[in-house]
Amino acid sequence: MEWLAITLSIITMGTMFWFFSTNKKVLKLGQSAPEFKLPDQYGRMHTLADCQGKWVALYFYPKDDTPGCTKQACAFRDGLQQLTDLGAEVIGVSVDDINSHAEFAKKFHLQFTLLADTTAETAARYHSLINLGIIKFAKRNTFLIDPHGKIARMYLSASAARNSSDVIADLKQLQAI
């Protein structure tokens, strides 16, 4: 019986290694950002192509109206004028629906776009999806996309508190080059 437990442990570890090693696809700096077509909190459709010619801070977050996500959204709200002055548009994405986004935006006076990725396809294309079977949610990742649609910066496992200020600092640095 002991050999069976050891064999099962080895098989389980091997399967986990295979799963995590084969699913480590990542986007690369300079690569074209994946396109999307998603509705916002008002039901209007948005695509990445709509943002051509602008910088885009595309941030994925787990859930509307939760502590970390609220902190992150409010930091983007508070830095929105600076980002706008730098020619950037802020777009938040989660797997929550339009109604949840509308309530979240209203409650915290969020004046930027929140996209409803209810199928989780966009989060998956950006390698920003946690899929636990029945439960799916976005990872807290942010992509700074240049006016040509290329990924200029990536913030994987972004800090909810610092994400907006990090994007602003990097945007200033990139525009100074």
N, C-alpha and C. Protein backbone atom coordinates (compact mmCIF):
# COMPACT_ATOMS: atom_id res chain seq x y z
N MET A 1 0.81 -1.21 0.00
CA MET A 1 0.00 0.00 0.00
C MET A 1 0.85 1.26 0.00
N GLU A 2 1.97 1.20 0.70
CA GLU A 2 2.82 2.38 0.76
C GLU A 2 3.35 2.74 -0.63
N TRP A 3 3.72 1.72 -1.43
CA TRP A 3 4.22 1.98 -2.78
C TRP A 3 3.16 2.63 -3.65
N LEU A 4 1.88 2.29 -3.41
CA LEU A 4 0.78 2.88 -4.17
C LEU A 4 0.66 4.38 -3.85
N ALA A 5 0.77 4.72 -2.56
CA ALA A 5 0.69 6.12 -2.15
C ALA A 5 1.85 6.92 -2.74
N ILE A 6 3.04 6.33 -2.75
CA ILE A 6 4.21 7.01 -3.31
C ILE A 6 4.04 7.19 -4.81
N THR A 7 3.56 6.16 -5.49
CA THR A 7 3.35 6.23 -6.94
C THR A 7 2.32 7.30 -7.28
N LEU A 8 1.23 7.34 -6.55
CA LEU A 8 0.20 8.36 -6.79
C LEU A 8 0.74 9.75 -6.53
N SER A 9 1.57 9.91 -5.52
CA SER A 9 2.18 11.21 -5.23
C SER A 9 3.07 11.65 -6.37
N ILE A 10 3.86 10.73 -6.91
CA ILE A 10 4.75 11.06 -8.03
C ILE A 10 3.95 11.43 -9.26
N ILE A 11 2.90 10.66 -9.55
CA ILE A 11 2.05 10.95 -10.71
C ILE A 11 1.38 12.32 -10.54
N THR A 12 0.86 12.58 -9.34
CA THR A 12 0.21 13.86 -9.08
C THR A 12 1.19 15.02 -9.25
N MET A 13 2.38 14.87 -8.70
CA MET A 13 3.39 15.93 -8.82
C MET A 13 3.79 16.13 -10.27
N GLY A 14 3.94 15.03 -11.01
CA GLY A 14 4.29 15.12 -12.43
C GLY A 14 3.21 15.81 -13.24
N THR A 15 1.96 15.48 -12.95
CA THR A 15 0.83 16.12 -13.63
C THR A 15 0.79 17.60 -13.32
N MET A 16 1.00 17.97 -12.05
CA MET A 16 1.00 19.38 -11.67
C MET A 16 2.15 20.10 -12.36
N PHE A 17 3.34 19.48 -12.41
CA PHE A 17 4.48 20.11 -13.08
C PHE A 17 4.15 20.33 -14.55
N TRP A 18 3.59 19.32 -15.22
CA TRP A 18 3.24 19.44 -16.63
C TRP A 18 2.24 20.57 -16.83
N PHE A 19 1.21 20.61 -16.00
CA PHE A 19 0.16 21.63 -16.14
C PHE A 19 0.74 23.02 -16.00
N PHE A 20 1.50 23.24 -14.95
CA PHE A 20 2.02 24.58 -14.71
C PHE A 20 3.12 24.95 -15.69
N SER A 21 3.91 23.99 -16.15
CA SER A 21 4.97 24.33 -17.09
C SER A 21 4.42 24.58 -18.49
N THR A 22 3.35 23.89 -18.88
CA THR A 22 2.80 24.09 -20.23
C THR A 22 1.82 25.25 -20.29
N ASN A 23 1.42 25.77 -19.17
CA ASN A 23 0.49 26.88 -19.15
C ASN A 23 1.15 28.18 -18.72
N LYS A 24 2.45 28.29 -18.92
CA LYS A 24 3.19 29.48 -18.51
C LYS A 24 3.39 30.45 -19.68
N LYS A 25 2.49 30.40 -20.65
CA LYS A 25 2.59 31.34 -21.76
C LYS A 25 2.47 32.75 -21.19
N VAL A 26 3.30 33.61 -21.72
CA VAL A 26 3.25 34.99 -21.28
C VAL A 26 3.31 35.90 -22.49
N LEU A 27 2.78 37.06 -22.33
CA LEU A 27 2.91 38.07 -23.36
C LEU A 27 4.29 38.69 -23.21
N LYS A 28 4.77 39.29 -24.29
CA LYS A 28 6.11 39.88 -24.26
C LYS A 28 6.04 41.37 -24.58
N LEU A 29 6.97 42.12 -24.01
CA LEU A 29 7.07 43.54 -24.32
C LEU A 29 7.32 43.70 -25.82
N GLY A 30 6.67 44.68 -26.42
CA GLY A 30 6.83 44.94 -27.84
C GLY A 30 5.88 44.16 -28.73
N GLN A 31 5.23 43.17 -28.16
CA GLN A 31 4.27 42.35 -28.91
C GLN A 31 2.96 43.11 -29.04
N SER A 32 2.21 42.84 -30.10
CA SER A 32 0.88 43.43 -30.24
C SER A 32 -0.01 42.93 -29.12
N ALA A 33 -0.73 43.84 -28.51
CA ALA A 33 -1.66 43.47 -27.44
C ALA A 33 -2.85 42.73 -28.06
N PRO A 34 -3.34 41.70 -27.41
CA PRO A 34 -4.49 40.98 -27.95
C PRO A 34 -5.72 41.89 -28.08
N GLU A 35 -6.42 41.76 -29.18
CA GLU A 35 -7.63 42.54 -29.43
C GLU A 35 -8.75 42.02 -28.52
N PHE A 36 -9.72 42.86 -28.27
CA PHE A 36 -10.90 42.46 -27.50
C PHE A 36 -12.11 43.23 -28.02
N LYS A 37 -13.28 42.72 -27.72
CA LYS A 37 -14.54 43.42 -28.00
C LYS A 37 -15.46 43.08 -26.83
N LEU A 38 -15.63 44.07 -25.95
CA LEU A 38 -16.37 43.84 -24.71
C LEU A 38 -17.28 45.03 -24.40
N PRO A 39 -18.38 44.78 -23.67
CA PRO A 39 -19.26 45.87 -23.26
C PRO A 39 -18.77 46.54 -21.98
N ASP A 40 -19.03 47.84 -21.89
CA ASP A 40 -18.68 48.57 -20.68
C ASP A 40 -19.86 48.60 -19.70
N GLN A 41 -19.70 49.38 -18.66
CA GLN A 41 -20.72 49.45 -17.61
C GLN A 41 -22.03 50.05 -18.09
N TYR A 42 -22.04 50.64 -19.29
CA TYR A 42 -23.26 51.22 -19.87
C TYR A 42 -23.80 50.37 -21.02
N GLY A 43 -23.12 49.26 -21.31
CA GLY A 43 -23.55 48.38 -22.39
C GLY A 43 -22.96 48.73 -23.75
N ARG A 44 -22.11 49.76 -23.81
CA ARG A 44 -21.46 50.14 -25.08
C ARG A 44 -20.28 49.21 -25.34
N MET A 45 -20.11 48.81 -26.58
CA MET A 45 -19.01 47.92 -26.95
C MET A 45 -17.72 48.71 -27.16
N HIS A 46 -16.60 48.09 -26.74
CA HIS A 46 -15.29 48.70 -26.89
C HIS A 46 -14.33 47.66 -27.47
N THR A 47 -13.40 48.14 -28.28
CA THR A 47 -12.32 47.29 -28.80
C THR A 47 -11.00 48.00 -28.52
N LEU A 48 -9.92 47.25 -28.59
CA LEU A 48 -8.61 47.85 -28.44
C LEU A 48 -8.35 48.78 -29.63
N ALA A 49 -8.83 48.41 -30.81
CA ALA A 49 -8.63 49.24 -32.00
C ALA A 49 -9.24 50.64 -31.82
N ASP A 50 -10.28 50.76 -30.99
CA ASP A 50 -10.88 52.07 -30.72
C ASP A 50 -9.87 53.02 -30.06
N CYS A 51 -8.85 52.47 -29.43
CA CYS A 51 -7.88 53.26 -28.67
C CYS A 51 -6.63 53.58 -29.47
N GLN A 52 -6.61 53.22 -30.75
CA GLN A 52 -5.42 53.45 -31.57
C GLN A 52 -5.03 54.92 -31.50
N GLY A 53 -3.75 55.18 -31.34
CA GLY A 53 -3.25 56.54 -31.23
C GLY A 53 -3.17 57.05 -29.80
N LYS A 54 -3.64 56.25 -28.84
CA LYS A 54 -3.59 56.63 -27.42
C LYS A 54 -2.82 55.56 -26.64
N TRP A 55 -2.28 55.97 -25.53
CA TRP A 55 -1.74 55.02 -24.57
C TRP A 55 -2.94 54.42 -23.83
N VAL A 56 -2.84 53.17 -23.45
CA VAL A 56 -3.92 52.50 -22.72
C VAL A 56 -3.34 51.80 -21.50
N ALA A 57 -3.92 52.09 -20.34
CA ALA A 57 -3.62 51.33 -19.13
C ALA A 57 -4.76 50.34 -18.98
N LEU A 58 -4.54 49.11 -19.43
CA LEU A 58 -5.55 48.06 -19.40
C LEU A 58 -5.29 47.22 -18.16
N TYR A 59 -6.17 47.36 -17.17
CA TYR A 59 -5.91 46.63 -15.94
C TYR A 59 -7.00 45.61 -15.66
N PHE A 60 -6.56 44.41 -15.33
CA PHE A 60 -7.45 43.31 -14.98
C PHE A 60 -7.51 43.24 -13.46
N TYR A 61 -8.70 42.98 -12.95
CA TYR A 61 -8.87 42.91 -11.50
C TYR A 61 -9.88 41.82 -11.17
N PRO A 62 -9.78 41.22 -9.98
CA PRO A 62 -10.61 40.07 -9.64
C PRO A 62 -12.11 40.32 -9.50
N LYS A 63 -12.54 41.34 -8.74
CA LYS A 63 -13.97 41.43 -8.41
C LYS A 63 -14.34 42.85 -8.02
N ASP A 64 -15.46 43.31 -8.57
CA ASP A 64 -15.99 44.63 -8.21
C ASP A 64 -16.27 44.71 -6.71
N ASP A 65 -16.03 45.90 -6.15
CA ASP A 65 -16.43 46.23 -4.78
C ASP A 65 -15.83 45.32 -3.71
N THR A 66 -14.61 44.85 -3.94
CA THR A 66 -13.87 44.13 -2.91
C THR A 66 -12.73 45.05 -2.47
N PRO A 67 -12.17 44.84 -1.30
CA PRO A 67 -11.20 45.81 -0.77
C PRO A 67 -10.03 46.15 -1.70
N GLY A 68 -9.31 45.15 -2.18
CA GLY A 68 -8.16 45.42 -3.04
C GLY A 68 -8.55 46.04 -4.37
N CYS A 69 -9.64 45.54 -4.94
CA CYS A 69 -10.09 46.06 -6.24
C CYS A 69 -10.62 47.48 -6.11
N THR A 70 -11.25 47.78 -5.01
CA THR A 70 -11.72 49.15 -4.77
C THR A 70 -10.53 50.09 -4.60
N LYS A 71 -9.52 49.66 -3.84
CA LYS A 71 -8.31 50.48 -3.65
C LYS A 71 -7.65 50.76 -5.00
N GLN A 72 -7.53 49.74 -5.84
CA GLN A 72 -6.90 49.90 -7.14
C GLN A 72 -7.72 50.84 -8.04
N ALA A 73 -9.03 50.62 -8.10
CA ALA A 73 -9.90 51.46 -8.94
C ALA A 73 -9.88 52.91 -8.48
N CYS A 74 -9.94 53.12 -7.18
CA CYS A 74 -9.93 54.50 -6.65
C CYS A 74 -8.59 55.18 -6.90
N ALA A 75 -7.50 54.43 -6.87
CA ALA A 75 -6.19 55.01 -7.19
C ALA A 75 -6.15 55.42 -8.67
N PHE A 76 -6.71 54.61 -9.55
CA PHE A 76 -6.78 55.00 -10.95
C PHE A 76 -7.71 56.21 -11.11
N ARG A 77 -8.81 56.23 -10.37
CA ARG A 77 -9.72 57.38 -10.39
C ARG A 77 -8.99 58.65 -9.98
N ASP A 78 -8.24 58.55 -8.88
CA ASP A 78 -7.54 59.71 -8.35
C ASP A 78 -6.39 60.18 -9.26
N GLY A 79 -5.82 59.26 -10.03
CA GLY A 79 -4.75 59.62 -10.95
C GLY A 79 -5.22 59.83 -12.38
N LEU A 80 -6.54 59.78 -12.58
CA LEU A 80 -7.09 59.84 -13.94
C LEU A 80 -6.70 61.11 -14.69
N GLN A 81 -6.72 62.25 -14.02
CA GLN A 81 -6.39 63.50 -14.72
C GLN A 81 -4.94 63.48 -15.19
N GLN A 82 -4.04 62.98 -14.35
CA GLN A 82 -2.64 62.87 -14.75
C GLN A 82 -2.49 61.94 -15.94
N LEU A 83 -3.18 60.81 -15.89
CA LEU A 83 -3.11 59.84 -16.99
C LEU A 83 -3.68 60.43 -18.27
N THR A 84 -4.79 61.14 -18.16
CA THR A 84 -5.40 61.79 -19.32
C THR A 84 -4.45 62.84 -19.90
N ASP A 85 -3.82 63.63 -19.03
CA ASP A 85 -2.87 64.64 -19.47
C ASP A 85 -1.67 64.01 -20.20
N LEU A 86 -1.36 62.76 -19.87
CA LEU A 86 -0.27 62.03 -20.52
C LEU A 86 -0.75 61.30 -21.78
N GLY A 87 -2.03 61.50 -22.13
CA GLY A 87 -2.57 60.89 -23.35
C GLY A 87 -2.98 59.45 -23.18
N ALA A 88 -3.26 59.05 -21.94
CA ALA A 88 -3.62 57.66 -21.68
C ALA A 88 -5.09 57.50 -21.31
N GLU A 89 -5.61 56.37 -21.69
CA GLU A 89 -6.97 55.98 -21.32
C GLU A 89 -6.87 54.82 -20.34
N VAL A 90 -7.70 54.83 -19.32
CA VAL A 90 -7.73 53.76 -18.33
C VAL A 90 -8.92 52.86 -18.62
N ILE A 91 -8.67 51.55 -18.67
CA ILE A 91 -9.73 50.58 -18.90
C ILE A 91 -9.54 49.45 -17.89
N GLY A 92 -10.56 49.22 -17.07
CA GLY A 92 -10.55 48.11 -16.13
C GLY A 92 -11.33 46.94 -16.72
N VAL A 93 -10.88 45.72 -16.43
CA VAL A 93 -11.55 44.52 -16.95
C VAL A 93 -11.66 43.49 -15.84
N SER A 94 -12.86 42.96 -15.66
CA SER A 94 -13.05 41.79 -14.79
C SER A 94 -14.13 40.91 -15.41
N VAL A 95 -14.33 39.76 -14.82
CA VAL A 95 -15.35 38.84 -15.34
C VAL A 95 -16.74 39.16 -14.79
N ASP A 96 -16.85 40.21 -13.99
CA ASP A 96 -18.16 40.63 -13.49
C ASP A 96 -19.02 41.15 -14.64
N ASP A 97 -20.33 41.19 -14.43
CA ASP A 97 -21.23 41.62 -15.50
C ASP A 97 -21.42 43.14 -15.52
N ILE A 98 -22.14 43.59 -16.53
CA ILE A 98 -22.37 45.02 -16.75
C ILE A 98 -23.02 45.68 -15.53
N ASN A 99 -24.02 45.04 -14.96
CA ASN A 99 -24.72 45.62 -13.80
C ASN A 99 -23.80 45.80 -12.61
N SER A 100 -22.96 44.81 -12.36
CA SER A 100 -22.00 44.90 -11.26
C SER A 100 -21.03 46.05 -11.50
N HIS A 101 -20.55 46.18 -12.74
CA HIS A 101 -19.65 47.29 -13.09
C HIS A 101 -20.34 48.64 -12.92
N ALA A 102 -21.60 48.72 -13.34
CA ALA A 102 -22.33 49.99 -13.23
C ALA A 102 -22.47 50.42 -11.77
N GLU A 103 -22.81 49.47 -10.90
CA GLU A 103 -22.95 49.77 -9.48
C GLU A 103 -21.61 50.17 -8.86
N PHE A 104 -20.56 49.45 -9.23
CA PHE A 104 -19.21 49.73 -8.73
C PHE A 104 -18.75 51.13 -9.16
N ALA A 105 -18.95 51.44 -10.44
CA ALA A 105 -18.55 52.75 -10.97
C ALA A 105 -19.33 53.88 -10.29
N LYS A 106 -20.62 53.66 -10.10
CA LYS A 106 -21.45 54.69 -9.47
C LYS A 106 -21.06 54.90 -8.01
N LYS A 107 -20.90 53.80 -7.29
CA LYS A 107 -20.58 53.87 -5.86
C LYS A 107 -19.27 54.61 -5.59
N PHE A 108 -18.26 54.41 -6.46
CA PHE A 108 -16.95 54.99 -6.21
C PHE A 108 -16.58 56.11 -7.20
N HIS A 109 -17.58 56.59 -7.94
CA HIS A 109 -17.39 57.71 -8.88
C HIS A 109 -16.24 57.45 -9.85
N LEU A 110 -16.25 56.27 -10.45
CA LEU A 110 -15.21 55.89 -11.40
C LEU A 110 -15.59 56.44 -12.77
N GLN A 111 -14.76 57.32 -13.29
CA GLN A 111 -15.04 57.99 -14.55
C GLN A 111 -14.26 57.39 -15.72
N PHE A 112 -13.95 56.13 -15.63
CA PHE A 112 -13.26 55.45 -16.73
C PHE A 112 -14.01 54.17 -17.05
N THR A 113 -13.64 53.55 -18.13
CA THR A 113 -14.33 52.38 -18.66
C THR A 113 -14.03 51.13 -17.84
N LEU A 114 -15.09 50.39 -17.53
CA LEU A 114 -14.97 49.07 -16.92
C LEU A 114 -15.61 48.08 -17.89
N LEU A 115 -14.83 47.13 -18.35
CA LEU A 115 -15.33 46.16 -19.33
C LEU A 115 -15.73 44.86 -18.67
N ALA A 116 -16.85 44.31 -19.13
CA ALA A 116 -17.39 43.06 -18.60
C ALA A 116 -16.94 41.90 -19.48
N ASP A 117 -15.99 41.15 -18.99
CA ASP A 117 -15.45 39.98 -19.70
C ASP A 117 -16.11 38.73 -19.13
N THR A 118 -17.42 38.62 -19.29
CA THR A 118 -18.18 37.55 -18.64
C THR A 118 -17.83 36.16 -19.14
N THR A 119 -17.27 36.04 -20.34
CA THR A 119 -16.84 34.73 -20.84
C THR A 119 -15.41 34.42 -20.41
N ALA A 120 -14.72 35.42 -19.89
CA ALA A 120 -13.32 35.32 -19.43
C ALA A 120 -12.35 35.09 -20.58
N GLU A 121 -12.79 35.25 -21.82
CA GLU A 121 -11.91 35.02 -22.97
C GLU A 121 -10.80 36.07 -23.08
N THR A 122 -11.13 37.32 -22.80
CA THR A 122 -10.11 38.37 -22.89
C THR A 122 -9.07 38.19 -21.79
N ALA A 123 -9.51 37.93 -20.58
CA ALA A 123 -8.56 37.68 -19.49
C ALA A 123 -7.64 36.51 -19.85
N ALA A 124 -8.19 35.48 -20.45
CA ALA A 124 -7.38 34.33 -20.85
C ALA A 124 -6.36 34.73 -21.92
N ARG A 125 -6.76 35.54 -22.90
CA ARG A 125 -5.84 35.97 -23.96
C ARG A 125 -4.69 36.80 -23.41
N TYR A 126 -4.96 37.49 -22.31
CA TYR A 126 -3.92 38.29 -21.66
C TYR A 126 -3.21 37.50 -20.55
N HIS A 127 -3.46 36.19 -20.49
CA HIS A 127 -2.87 35.32 -19.48
C HIS A 127 -3.10 35.89 -18.09
N SER A 128 -4.32 36.37 -17.90
CA SER A 128 -4.70 37.03 -16.65
C SER A 128 -5.96 36.40 -16.08
N LEU A 129 -6.10 35.10 -16.24
CA LEU A 129 -7.30 34.40 -15.76
C LEU A 129 -6.92 33.32 -14.77
N ILE A 130 -7.65 33.29 -13.69
CA ILE A 130 -7.58 32.17 -12.75
C ILE A 130 -8.87 31.39 -12.94
N ASN A 131 -8.74 30.14 -13.36
CA ASN A 131 -9.89 29.30 -13.66
C ASN A 131 -9.89 28.13 -12.69
N LEU A 132 -10.83 28.17 -11.76
CA LEU A 132 -10.95 27.10 -10.77
C LEU A 132 -12.12 26.19 -11.10
N GLY A 133 -12.46 26.11 -12.38
CA GLY A 133 -13.59 25.29 -12.81
C GLY A 133 -14.86 26.11 -12.80
N ILE A 134 -15.61 25.99 -11.73
CA ILE A 134 -16.86 26.73 -11.60
C ILE A 134 -16.60 28.22 -11.40
N ILE A 135 -15.54 28.54 -10.71
CA ILE A 135 -15.22 29.94 -10.40
C ILE A 135 -14.07 30.40 -11.28
N LYS A 136 -14.28 31.56 -11.91
CA LYS A 136 -13.24 32.19 -12.72
C LYS A 136 -13.13 33.64 -12.29
N PHE A 137 -11.90 34.13 -12.22
CA PHE A 137 -11.71 35.55 -11.97
C PHE A 137 -10.38 35.98 -12.55
N ALA A 138 -10.27 37.28 -12.77
CA ALA A 138 -9.06 37.83 -13.37
C ALA A 138 -7.97 38.00 -12.33
N LYS A 139 -6.73 37.83 -12.78
CA LYS A 139 -5.57 38.14 -11.96
C LYS A 139 -5.40 39.65 -11.96
N ARG A 140 -4.73 40.17 -10.97
CA ARG A 140 -4.48 41.61 -10.89
C ARG A 140 -3.24 41.95 -11.73
N ASN A 141 -3.43 42.00 -13.05
CA ASN A 141 -2.37 42.31 -13.99
C ASN A 141 -2.74 43.56 -14.76
N THR A 142 -1.74 44.36 -15.09
CA THR A 142 -1.97 45.58 -15.87
C THR A 142 -1.01 45.60 -17.04
N PHE A 143 -1.52 46.09 -18.17
CA PHE A 143 -0.72 46.19 -19.38
C PHE A 143 -0.78 47.63 -19.86
N LEU A 144 0.38 48.24 -20.00
CA LEU A 144 0.47 49.58 -20.57
C LEU A 144 0.73 49.38 -22.05
N ILE A 145 -0.22 49.81 -22.86
CA ILE A 145 -0.19 49.58 -24.30
C ILE A 145 0.08 50.92 -25.00
N ASP A 146 1.03 50.91 -25.92
CA ASP A 146 1.42 52.15 -26.59
C ASP A 146 0.41 52.54 -27.68
N PRO A 147 0.55 53.73 -28.25
CA PRO A 147 -0.42 54.19 -29.26
C PRO A 147 -0.48 53.33 -30.52
N HIS A 148 0.50 52.43 -30.71
CA HIS A 148 0.50 51.54 -31.88
C HIS A 148 -0.06 50.16 -31.53
N GLY A 149 -0.56 50.00 -30.30
CA GLY A 149 -1.14 48.72 -29.90
C GLY A 149 -0.14 47.69 -29.41
N LYS A 150 1.07 48.12 -29.09
CA LYS A 150 2.12 47.21 -28.60
C LYS A 150 2.22 47.30 -27.08
N ILE A 151 2.55 46.20 -26.47
CA ILE A 151 2.71 46.17 -25.01
C ILE A 151 4.02 46.85 -24.63
N ALA A 152 3.92 47.95 -23.90
CA ALA A 152 5.10 48.72 -23.49
C ALA A 152 5.58 48.34 -22.10
N ARG A 153 4.66 48.01 -21.21
CA ARG A 153 4.98 47.59 -19.84
C ARG A 153 3.93 46.58 -19.38
N MET A 154 4.38 45.69 -18.50
CA MET A 154 3.47 44.72 -17.88
C MET A 154 3.68 44.77 -16.37
N TYR A 155 2.59 44.75 -15.66
CA TYR A 155 2.62 44.74 -14.19
C TYR A 155 1.88 43.48 -13.77
N LEU A 156 2.63 42.40 -13.60
CA LEU A 156 2.02 41.13 -13.23
C LEU A 156 1.92 41.06 -11.71
N SER A 157 0.78 40.63 -11.23
CA SER A 157 0.50 40.67 -9.79
C SER A 157 0.69 42.09 -9.27
N ALA A 158 0.07 43.03 -9.94
CA ALA A 158 0.22 44.45 -9.64
C ALA A 158 -0.21 44.77 -8.20
N SER A 159 0.41 45.76 -7.64
CA SER A 159 0.04 46.25 -6.32
C SER A 159 -1.23 47.10 -6.46
N ALA A 160 -2.27 46.77 -5.72
CA ALA A 160 -3.51 47.54 -5.79
C ALA A 160 -3.26 48.99 -5.40
N ALA A 161 -2.41 49.21 -4.44
CA ALA A 161 -2.15 50.57 -3.94
C ALA A 161 -1.25 51.38 -4.88
N ARG A 162 -0.25 50.73 -5.49
CA ARG A 162 0.74 51.46 -6.29
C ARG A 162 0.54 51.38 -7.80
N ASN A 163 -0.37 50.55 -8.27
CA ASN A 163 -0.50 50.30 -9.70
C ASN A 163 -0.64 51.58 -10.52
N SER A 164 -1.54 52.45 -10.12
CA SER A 164 -1.77 53.69 -10.86
C SER A 164 -0.52 54.57 -10.87
N SER A 165 0.12 54.75 -9.73
CA SER A 165 1.32 55.60 -9.67
C SER A 165 2.48 54.97 -10.44
N ASP A 166 2.58 53.63 -10.45
CA ASP A 166 3.61 52.96 -11.24
C ASP A 166 3.39 53.20 -12.73
N VAL A 167 2.14 53.12 -13.17
CA VAL A 167 1.81 53.36 -14.58
C VAL A 167 2.14 54.80 -14.95
N ILE A 168 1.78 55.75 -14.10
CA ILE A 168 2.06 57.17 -14.37
C ILE A 168 3.57 57.40 -14.49
N ALA A 169 4.34 56.85 -13.57
CA ALA A 169 5.80 57.03 -13.60
C ALA A 169 6.39 56.43 -14.87
N ASP A 170 5.96 55.23 -15.23
CA ASP A 170 6.49 54.58 -16.43
C ASP A 170 6.06 55.30 -17.69
N LEU A 171 4.85 55.81 -17.70
CA LEU A 171 4.35 56.54 -18.86
C LEU A 171 5.18 57.81 -19.08
N LYS A 172 5.49 58.50 -18.00
CA LYS A 172 6.35 59.69 -18.10
C LYS A 172 7.72 59.31 -18.64
N GLN A 173 8.27 58.22 -18.14
CA GLN A 173 9.60 57.77 -18.58
C GLN A 173 9.57 57.37 -20.06
N LEU A 174 8.56 56.63 -20.47
CA LEU A 174 8.47 56.20 -21.86
C LEU A 174 8.28 57.37 -22.82
N GLN A 175 7.54 58.37 -22.39
CA GLN A 175 7.29 59.51 -23.26
C GLN A 175 8.50 60.44 -23.33
N ALA A 176 9.40 60.34 -22.34
CA ALA A 176 10.60 61.19 -22.34
C ALA A 176 11.66 60.63 -23.29
N ILE A 177 11.51 59.37 -23.66
CA ILE A 177 12.52 58.73 -24.53
C ILE A 177 12.40 59.25 -25.95
